[in-house]
Every structure is written in structure tokens, then in C-alpha cells.
């Protein structure tokens, strides 16, 4: 099962931060104690692998930022409208 829209956004924000800091998948994998292949799976859109809250917290420590920086500024509206109960 592919990632949800919010999961894709989280992965995108982590990847952008990682690339801005010029860090490889292997480097962050070693620092948060997972395999480089696992980071690769997380960054693949079609994979359901995803960061845990603990891993996002460790990434925030590594990147010297708040874990909130890995969340979108606004709700993902299309996802909300898909799951909203009918009126």
C-alpha cells in the first residue's frame, strides 16, 4: 500500500532537509540506527515504509530543528475531503 498524502509530505520535508544539509541516506541511517536501504524504502513513493515518531525526533536532533519542521504548514485538504463523512 503506498503512502498517504501526509506521509508523502513528511518524507519530502525530511528529504529536503537532508539534501540541504548535504547528508546521504547512509549517513542519516547510521545516525538513527537503521539501514541505508530502509531510508531508501522510506523515500520511495510506492513503499509503505515510514519514519516512526521516535525516528523523526532523532532526525530533528540530528538536523538541529524542531520535529514540527517535518509536518506541512496546512492540512492536506484533498485527504480530508476524501475521508470526511457525508453530510
PDB file of N, CA and C in Angstrom:
ATOM      1  N   UNK A   1       0.849  -1.180   0.000  1.00  0.00           N
ATOM      2  CA  UNK A   1       0.000   0.000   0.000  1.00  0.00           C
ATOM      3  C   UNK A   1       0.891   1.238   0.000  1.00  0.00           C
ATOM      4  N   UNK A   2       0.662   2.154  -0.932  1.00  0.00           N
ATOM      5  CA  UNK A   2       1.506   3.363  -0.978  1.00  0.00           C
ATOM      6  C   UNK A   2       1.208   4.302   0.192  1.00  0.00           C
ATOM      7  N   UNK A   3       2.088   5.258   0.352  1.00  0.00           N
ATOM      8  CA  UNK A   3       1.953   6.233   1.442  1.00  0.00           C
ATOM      9  C   UNK A   3       0.748   7.151   1.230  1.00  0.00           C
ATOM     10  N   UNK A   4       0.219   7.641   2.341  1.00  0.00           N
ATOM     11  CA  UNK A   4      -0.836   8.650   2.272  1.00  0.00           C
ATOM     12  C   UNK A   4      -0.218   9.981   1.853  1.00  0.00           C
ATOM     13  N   UNK A   5      -1.060  10.943   1.540  1.00  0.00           N
ATOM     14  CA  UNK A   5      -0.566  12.259   1.122  1.00  0.00           C
ATOM     15  C   UNK A   5       0.233  12.943   2.222  1.00  0.00           C
ATOM     16  N   UNK A   6      -0.189  12.816   3.462  1.00  0.00           N
ATOM     17  CA  UNK A   6       0.558  13.458   4.545  1.00  0.00           C
ATOM     18  C   UNK A   6       1.895  12.753   4.763  1.00  0.00           C
ATOM     19  N   UNK A   7       1.922  11.441   4.617  1.00  0.00           N
ATOM     20  CA  UNK A   7       3.190  10.716   4.744  1.00  0.00           C
ATOM     21  C   UNK A   7       4.151  11.129   3.635  1.00  0.00           C
ATOM     22  N   UNK A   8       3.632  11.297   2.418  1.00  0.00           N
ATOM     23  CA  UNK A   8       4.481  11.752   1.314  1.00  0.00           C
ATOM     24  C   UNK A   8       5.057  13.131   1.607  1.00  0.00           C
ATOM     25  N   UNK A   9       4.253  14.000   2.199  1.00  0.00           N
ATOM     26  CA  UNK A   9       4.724  15.347   2.535  1.00  0.00           C
ATOM     27  C   UNK A   9       5.803  15.289   3.613  1.00  0.00           C
ATOM     28  N   UNK A  10       5.622  14.456   4.617  1.00  0.00           N
ATOM     29  CA  UNK A  10       6.629  14.309   5.679  1.00  0.00           C
ATOM     30  C   UNK A  10       7.938  13.811   5.088  1.00  0.00           C
ATOM     31  N   UNK A  11       7.863  12.788   4.262  1.00  0.00           N
ATOM     32  CA  UNK A  11       9.072  12.242   3.635  1.00  0.00           C
ATOM     33  C   UNK A  11       9.753  13.310   2.777  1.00  0.00           C
ATOM     34  N   UNK A  12       8.962  14.073   2.042  1.00  0.00           N
ATOM     35  CA  UNK A  12       9.509  15.136   1.202  1.00  0.00           C
ATOM     36  C   UNK A  12      10.230  16.196   2.037  1.00  0.00           C
ATOM     37  N   UNK A  13       9.647  16.578   3.159  1.00  0.00           N
ATOM     38  CA  UNK A  13      10.267  17.599   4.016  1.00  0.00           C
ATOM     39  C   UNK A  13      11.551  17.075   4.667  1.00  0.00           C
ATOM     40  N   UNK A  14      11.559  15.811   5.072  1.00  0.00           N
ATOM     41  CA  UNK A  14      12.785  15.222   5.636  1.00  0.00           C
ATOM     42  C   UNK A  14      13.860  15.142   4.552  1.00  0.00           C
ATOM     43  N   UNK A  15      13.487  14.670   3.349  1.00  0.00           N
ATOM     44  CA  UNK A  15      14.453  14.544   2.251  1.00  0.00           C
ATOM     45  C   UNK A  15      15.043  15.904   1.893  1.00  0.00           C
ATOM     46  N   UNK A  16      14.192  16.939   1.835  1.00  0.00           N
ATOM     47  CA  UNK A  16      14.688  18.282   1.512  1.00  0.00           C
ATOM     48  C   UNK A  16      15.692  18.744   2.558  1.00  0.00           C
ATOM     49  N   UNK A  17      15.372  18.542   3.823  1.00  0.00           N
ATOM     50  CA  UNK A  17      16.276  18.948   4.899  1.00  0.00           C
ATOM     51  C   UNK A  17      17.591  18.168   4.795  1.00  0.00           C
ATOM     52  N   UNK A  18      17.486  16.858   4.531  1.00  0.00           N
ATOM     53  CA  UNK A  18      18.677  16.008   4.394  1.00  0.00           C
ATOM     54  C   UNK A  18      19.567  16.506   3.251  1.00  0.00           C
ATOM     55  N   UNK A  19      18.944  16.811   2.112  1.00  0.00           N
ATOM     56  CA  UNK A  19      19.722  17.277   0.956  1.00  0.00           C
ATOM     57  C   UNK A  19      20.287  18.675   1.189  1.00  0.00           C
ATOM     58  N   UNK A  20      19.514  19.554   1.849  1.00  0.00           N
ATOM     59  CA  UNK A  20      20.011  20.897   2.165  1.00  0.00           C
ATOM     60  C   UNK A  20      21.269  20.825   3.031  1.00  0.00           C
ATOM     61  N   UNK A  21      21.321  19.816   3.901  1.00  0.00           N
ATOM     62  CA  UNK A  21      22.483  19.638   4.779  1.00  0.00           C
ATOM     63  C   UNK A  21      23.547  18.744   4.154  1.00  0.00           C
ATOM     64  N   UNK A  22      23.318  18.356   2.898  1.00  0.00           N
ATOM     65  CA  UNK A  22      24.283  17.549   2.145  1.00  0.00           C
ATOM     66  C   UNK A  22      24.586  16.219   2.835  1.00  0.00           C
ATOM     67  N   UNK A  23      23.556  15.563   3.349  1.00  0.00           N
ATOM     68  CA  UNK A  23      23.713  14.286   4.036  1.00  0.00           C
ATOM     69  C   UNK A  23      23.167  13.163   3.166  1.00  0.00           C
ATOM     70  N   UNK A  24      23.887  12.085   3.119  1.00  0.00           N
ATOM     71  CA  UNK A  24      23.447  10.924   2.358  1.00  0.00           C
ATOM     72  C   UNK A  24      22.433  10.112   3.160  1.00  0.00           C
ATOM     73  N   UNK A  25      21.721   9.249   2.462  1.00  0.00           N
ATOM     74  CA  UNK A  25      20.811   8.325   3.132  1.00  0.00           C
ATOM     75  C   UNK A  25      21.594   7.458   4.113  1.00  0.00           C
ATOM     76  N   UNK A  26      22.779   7.021   3.704  1.00  0.00           N
ATOM     77  CA  UNK A  26      23.607   6.159   4.556  1.00  0.00           C
ATOM     78  C   UNK A  26      24.011   6.867   5.842  1.00  0.00           C
ATOM     79  N   UNK A  27      24.330   8.147   5.741  1.00  0.00           N
ATOM     80  CA  UNK A  27      24.757   8.878   6.943  1.00  0.00           C
ATOM     81  C   UNK A  27      23.618   9.018   7.947  1.00  0.00           C
ATOM     82  N   UNK A  28      22.441   9.427   7.478  1.00  0.00           N
ATOM     83  CA  UNK A  28      21.357   9.574   8.443  1.00  0.00           C
ATOM     84  C   UNK A  28      20.898   8.214   8.959  1.00  0.00           C
ATOM     85  N   UNK A  29      20.988   7.188   8.112  1.00  0.00           N
ATOM     86  CA  UNK A  29      20.626   5.833   8.554  1.00  0.00           C
ATOM     87  C   UNK A  29      21.510   5.405   9.718  1.00  0.00           C
ATOM     88  N   UNK A  30      22.805   5.619   9.590  1.00  0.00           N
ATOM     89  CA  UNK A  30      23.732   5.243  10.662  1.00  0.00           C
ATOM     90  C   UNK A  30      23.437   6.031  11.935  1.00  0.00           C
ATOM     91  N   UNK A  31      23.123   7.301  11.788  1.00  0.00           N
ATOM     92  CA  UNK A  31      22.892   8.143  12.951  1.00  0.00           C
ATOM     93  C   UNK A  31      21.577   7.846  13.665  1.00  0.00           C
ATOM     94  N   UNK A  32      20.573   7.341  12.941  1.00  0.00           N
ATOM     95  CA  UNK A  32      19.320   6.983  13.618  1.00  0.00           C
ATOM     96  C   UNK A  32      19.183   5.463  13.764  1.00  0.00           C
ATOM     97  N   UNK A  33      20.251   4.748  13.458  1.00  0.00           N
ATOM     98  CA  UNK A  33      20.368   3.305  13.703  1.00  0.00           C
ATOM     99  C   UNK A  33      19.387   2.457  12.914  1.00  0.00           C
ATOM    100  N   UNK A  34      19.311   2.737  11.611  1.00  0.00           N
ATOM    101  CA  UNK A  34      18.575   1.888  10.681  1.00  0.00           C
ATOM    102  C   UNK A  34      19.487   1.663   9.476  1.00  0.00           C
ATOM    103  N   UNK A  35      19.086   0.805   8.559  1.00  0.00           N
ATOM    104  CA  UNK A  35      19.913   0.560   7.371  1.00  0.00           C
ATOM    105  C   UNK A  35      19.684   1.651   6.323  1.00  0.00           C
ATOM    106  N   UNK A  36      20.684   1.836   5.475  1.00  0.00           N
ATOM    107  CA  UNK A  36      20.553   2.802   4.385  1.00  0.00           C
ATOM    108  C   UNK A  36      19.422   2.367   3.448  1.00  0.00           C
ATOM    109  N   UNK A  37      19.248   1.064   3.275  1.00  0.00           N
ATOM    110  CA  UNK A  37      18.166   0.549   2.442  1.00  0.00           C
ATOM    111  C   UNK A  37      16.799   0.940   2.978  1.00  0.00           C
ATOM    112  N   UNK A  38      16.694   0.979   4.302  1.00  0.00           N
ATOM    113  CA  UNK A  38      15.422   1.364   4.913  1.00  0.00           C
ATOM    114  C   UNK A  38      15.100   2.825   4.601  1.00  0.00           C
ATOM    115  N   UNK A  39      16.091   3.691   4.672  1.00  0.00           N
ATOM    116  CA  UNK A  39      15.871   5.101   4.317  1.00  0.00           C
ATOM    117  C   UNK A  39      15.467   5.190   2.847  1.00  0.00           C
ATOM    118  N   UNK A  40      16.102   4.403   2.003  1.00  0.00           N
ATOM    119  CA  UNK A  40      15.733   4.365   0.588  1.00  0.00           C
ATOM    120  C   UNK A  40      14.292   3.937   0.394  1.00  0.00           C
ATOM    121  N   UNK A  41      13.851   2.934   1.147  1.00  0.00           N
ATOM    122  CA  UNK A  41      12.459   2.493   1.069  1.00  0.00           C
ATOM    123  C   UNK A  41      11.505   3.598   1.520  1.00  0.00           C
ATOM    124  N   UNK A  42      11.867   4.278   2.601  1.00  0.00           N
ATOM    125  CA  UNK A  42      11.020   5.372   3.091  1.00  0.00           C
ATOM    126  C   UNK A  42      10.876   6.442   2.020  1.00  0.00           C
ATOM    127  N   UNK A  43      11.961   6.744   1.321  1.00  0.00           N
ATOM    128  CA  UNK A  43      11.928   7.819   0.321  1.00  0.00           C
ATOM    129  C   UNK A  43      11.279   7.396  -0.988  1.00  0.00           C
ATOM    130  N   UNK A  44      10.958   6.096  -1.143  1.00  0.00           N
ATOM    131  CA  UNK A  44      10.248   5.628  -2.336  1.00  0.00           C
ATOM    132  C   UNK A  44       8.751   5.853  -2.159  1.00  0.00           C
ATOM    133  N   UNK A  45       8.135   6.501  -3.108  1.00  0.00           N
ATOM    134  CA  UNK A  45       6.706   6.816  -3.030  1.00  0.00           C
ATOM    135  C   UNK A  45       5.852   5.558  -2.955  1.00  0.00           C
ATOM    136  N   UNK A  46       6.233   4.510  -3.642  1.00  0.00           N
ATOM    137  CA  UNK A  46       5.407   3.311  -3.720  1.00  0.00           C
ATOM    138  C   UNK A  46       5.538   2.390  -2.508  1.00  0.00           C
ATOM    139  N   UNK A  47       6.503   2.650  -1.638  1.00  0.00           N
ATOM    140  CA  UNK A  47       6.712   1.817  -0.454  1.00  0.00           C
ATOM    141  C   UNK A  47       5.877   2.329   0.711  1.00  0.00           C
ATOM    142  N   UNK A  48       5.398   1.408   1.540  1.00  0.00           N
ATOM    143  CA  UNK A  48       4.639   1.853   2.712  1.00  0.00           C
ATOM    144  C   UNK A  48       5.540   2.083   3.933  1.00  0.00           C
ATOM    145  N   UNK A  49       6.855   1.904   3.793  1.00  0.00           N
ATOM    146  CA  UNK A  49       7.786   2.168   4.897  1.00  0.00           C
ATOM    147  C   UNK A  49       7.734   3.644   5.255  1.00  0.00           C
ATOM    148  N   UNK A  50       7.778   3.911   6.553  1.00  0.00           N
ATOM    149  CA  UNK A  50       7.631   5.283   7.022  1.00  0.00           C
ATOM    150  C   UNK A  50       8.425   5.491   8.292  1.00  0.00           C
ATOM    151  N   UNK A  51       8.849   6.746   8.544  1.00  0.00           N
ATOM    152  CA  UNK A  51       9.543   7.089   9.782  1.00  0.00           C
ATOM    153  C   UNK A  51       8.590   6.932  10.963  1.00  0.00           C
ATOM    154  N   UNK A  52       9.137   6.473  12.084  1.00  0.00           N
ATOM    155  CA  UNK A  52       8.363   6.470  13.330  1.00  0.00           C
ATOM    156  C   UNK A  52       8.500   7.856  13.960  1.00  0.00           C
ATOM    157  N   UNK A  53       7.664   8.137  14.951  1.00  0.00           N
ATOM    158  CA  UNK A  53       7.786   9.415  15.660  1.00  0.00           C
ATOM    159  C   UNK A  53       9.150   9.525  16.317  1.00  0.00           C
ATOM    160  N   UNK A  54       9.634   8.432  16.877  1.00  0.00           N
ATOM    161  CA  UNK A  54      10.950   8.434  17.517  1.00  0.00           C
ATOM    162  C   UNK A  54      12.046   8.758  16.498  1.00  0.00           C
ATOM    163  N   UNK A  55      11.953   8.173  15.309  1.00  0.00           N
ATOM    164  CA  UNK A  55      12.949   8.458  14.272  1.00  0.00           C
ATOM    165  C   UNK A  55      12.867   9.909  13.821  1.00  0.00           C
ATOM    166  N   UNK A  56      11.665  10.452  13.712  1.00  0.00           N
ATOM    167  CA  UNK A  56      11.537  11.873  13.350  1.00  0.00           C
ATOM    168  C   UNK A  56      12.146  12.761  14.427  1.00  0.00           C
ATOM    169  N   UNK A  57      11.984  12.376  15.670  1.00  0.00           N
ATOM    170  CA  UNK A  57      12.599  13.140  16.762  1.00  0.00           C
ATOM    171  C   UNK A  57      14.119  13.071  16.676  1.00  0.00           C
ATOM    172  N   UNK A  58      14.658  11.874  16.400  1.00  0.00           N
ATOM    173  CA  UNK A  58      16.121  11.742  16.256  1.00  0.00           C
ATOM    174  C   UNK A  58      16.631  12.545  15.073  1.00  0.00           C
ATOM    175  N   UNK A  59      15.866  12.568  13.979  1.00  0.00           N
ATOM    176  CA  UNK A  59      16.262  13.379  12.823  1.00  0.00           C
ATOM    177  C   UNK A  59      16.263  14.863  13.178  1.00  0.00           C
ATOM    178  N   UNK A  60      15.275  15.300  13.951  1.00  0.00           N
ATOM    179  CA  UNK A  60      15.233  16.702  14.380  1.00  0.00           C
ATOM    180  C   UNK A  60      16.464  17.039  15.222  1.00  0.00           C
ATOM    181  N   UNK A  61      16.861  16.137  16.110  1.00  0.00           N
ATOM    182  CA  UNK A  61      18.083  16.354  16.899  1.00  0.00           C
ATOM    183  C   UNK A  61      19.299  16.440  15.980  1.00  0.00           C
ATOM    184  N   UNK A  62      19.364  15.537  15.026  1.00  0.00           N
ATOM    185  CA  UNK A  62      20.483  15.497  14.078  1.00  0.00           C
ATOM    186  C   UNK A  62      20.540  16.765  13.222  1.00  0.00           C
ATOM    187  N   UNK A  63      19.361  17.229  12.775  1.00  0.00           N
ATOM    188  CA  UNK A  63      19.288  18.390  11.894  1.00  0.00           C
ATOM    189  C   UNK A  63      19.202  19.705  12.649  1.00  0.00           C
ATOM    190  N   UNK A  64      19.204  19.653  13.999  1.00  0.00           N
ATOM    191  CA  UNK A  64      19.112  20.853  14.841  1.00  0.00           C
ATOM    192  C   UNK A  64      17.865  21.673  14.488  1.00  0.00           C
ATOM    193  N   UNK A  65      16.723  20.992  14.489  1.00  0.00           N
ATOM    194  CA  UNK A  65      15.466  21.668  14.189  1.00  0.00           C
ATOM    195  C   UNK A  65      14.363  21.064  15.049  1.00  0.00           C
ATOM    196  N   UNK A  66      13.176  21.570  14.920  1.00  0.00           N
ATOM    197  CA  UNK A  66      12.019  21.025  15.614  1.00  0.00           C
ATOM    198  C   UNK A  66      11.417  19.892  14.787  1.00  0.00           C
ATOM    199  N   UNK A  67      10.885  18.852  15.410  1.00  0.00           N
ATOM    200  CA  UNK A  67      10.170  17.820  14.644  1.00  0.00           C
ATOM    201  C   UNK A  67       8.995  18.406  13.853  1.00  0.00           C
ATOM    202  N   UNK A  68       8.486  19.566  14.295  1.00  0.00           N
ATOM    203  CA  UNK A  68       7.388  20.221  13.581  1.00  0.00           C
ATOM    204  C   UNK A  68       7.779  20.617  12.158  1.00  0.00           C
ATOM    205  N   UNK A  69       9.076  20.770  11.903  1.00  0.00           N
ATOM    206  CA  UNK A  69       9.522  21.145  10.561  1.00  0.00           C
ATOM    207  C   UNK A  69       9.283  20.028   9.548  1.00  0.00           C
ATOM    208  N   UNK A  70       8.946  18.839  10.018  1.00  0.00           N
ATOM    209  CA  UNK A  70       8.674  17.718   9.129  1.00  0.00           C
ATOM    210  C   UNK A  70       7.177  17.555   8.850  1.00  0.00           C
ATOM    211  N   UNK A  71       6.372  18.503   9.324  1.00  0.00           N
ATOM    212  CA  UNK A  71       4.934  18.484   9.076  1.00  0.00           C
ATOM    213  C   UNK A  71       4.557  19.656   8.176  1.00  0.00           C
ATOM    214  N   UNK A  72       3.551  19.467   7.322  1.00  0.00           N
ATOM    215  CA  UNK A  72       3.139  20.587   6.463  1.00  0.00           C
ATOM    216  C   UNK A  72       2.554  21.723   7.288  1.00  0.00           C
ATOM    217  N   UNK A  73       2.656  22.921   6.749  1.00  0.00           N
ATOM    218  CA  UNK A  73       2.115  24.111   7.413  1.00  0.00           C
ATOM    219  C   UNK A  73       0.598  24.051   7.519  1.00  0.00           C
ATOM    220  N   UNK A  74      -0.048  23.507   6.510  1.00  0.00           N
ATOM    221  CA  UNK A  74      -1.508  23.450   6.434  1.00  0.00           C
ATOM    222  C   UNK A  74      -1.948  21.995   6.303  1.00  0.00           C
ATOM    223  N   UNK A  75      -3.170  21.685   6.695  1.00  0.00           N
ATOM    224  CA  UNK A  75      -3.690  20.329   6.490  1.00  0.00           C
ATOM    225  C   UNK A  75      -3.698  19.980   5.000  1.00  0.00           C
ATOM    226  N   UNK A  76      -3.583  18.723   4.721  1.00  0.00           N
ATOM    227  CA  UNK A  76      -3.655  18.247   3.342  1.00  0.00           C
ATOM    228  C   UNK A  76      -5.147  18.119   3.007  1.00  0.00           C
ATOM    229  N   UNK A  77      -5.697  19.119   2.336  1.00  0.00           N
ATOM    230  CA  UNK A  77      -7.147  19.218   2.132  1.00  0.00           C
ATOM    231  C   UNK A  77      -7.733  18.076   1.328  1.00  0.00           C
ATOM    232  N   UNK A  78      -7.060  17.650   0.286  1.00  0.00           N
ATOM    233  CA  UNK A  78      -7.647  16.592  -0.533  1.00  0.00           C
ATOM    234  C   UNK A  78      -7.805  15.309   0.264  1.00  0.00           C
ATOM    235  N   UNK A  79      -6.919  15.078   1.210  1.00  0.00           N
ATOM    236  CA  UNK A  79      -7.014  13.898   2.052  1.00  0.00           C
ATOM    237  C   UNK A  79      -8.193  14.024   3.010  1.00  0.00           C
ATOM    238  N   UNK A  80      -8.429  15.199   3.535  1.00  0.00           N
ATOM    239  CA  UNK A  80      -9.537  15.417   4.453  1.00  0.00           C
ATOM    240  C   UNK A  80     -10.862  15.222   3.717  1.00  0.00           C
ATOM    241  N   UNK A  81     -10.976  15.785   2.517  1.00  0.00           N
ATOM    242  CA  UNK A  81     -12.235  15.677   1.790  1.00  0.00           C
ATOM    243  C   UNK A  81     -12.528  14.236   1.389  1.00  0.00           C
ATOM    244  N   UNK A  82     -11.490  13.425   1.176  1.00  0.00           N
ATOM    245  CA  UNK A  82     -11.696  12.022   0.812  1.00  0.00           C
ATOM    246  C   UNK A  82     -12.249  11.207   1.984  1.00  0.00           C
ATOM    247  N   UNK A  83     -11.891  11.581   3.201  1.00  0.00           N
ATOM    248  CA  UNK A  83     -12.278  10.791   4.362  1.00  0.00           C
ATOM    249  C   UNK A  83     -13.411  11.413   5.163  1.00  0.00           C
ATOM    250  N   UNK A  84     -13.865  12.594   4.772  1.00  0.00           N
ATOM    251  CA  UNK A  84     -14.936  13.266   5.527  1.00  0.00           C
ATOM    252  C   UNK A  84     -16.242  12.498   5.357  1.00  0.00           C
ATOM    253  N   UNK A  85     -16.992  12.371   6.452  1.00  0.00           N
ATOM    254  CA  UNK A  85     -18.284  11.681   6.337  1.00  0.00           C
ATOM    255  C   UNK A  85     -19.266  12.512   5.516  1.00  0.00           C
ATOM    256  N   UNK A  86     -20.156  11.860   4.798  1.00  0.00           N
ATOM    257  CA  UNK A  86     -21.131  12.626   4.012  1.00  0.00           C
ATOM    258  C   UNK A  86     -22.081  13.397   4.911  1.00  0.00           C
ATOM    259  N   UNK A  87     -22.535  14.525   4.438  1.00  0.00           N
ATOM    260  CA  UNK A  87     -23.452  15.371   5.225  1.00  0.00           C
ATOM    261  C   UNK A  87     -24.883  14.946   5.048  1.00  0.00           C
TER     262      UNK A  87
END
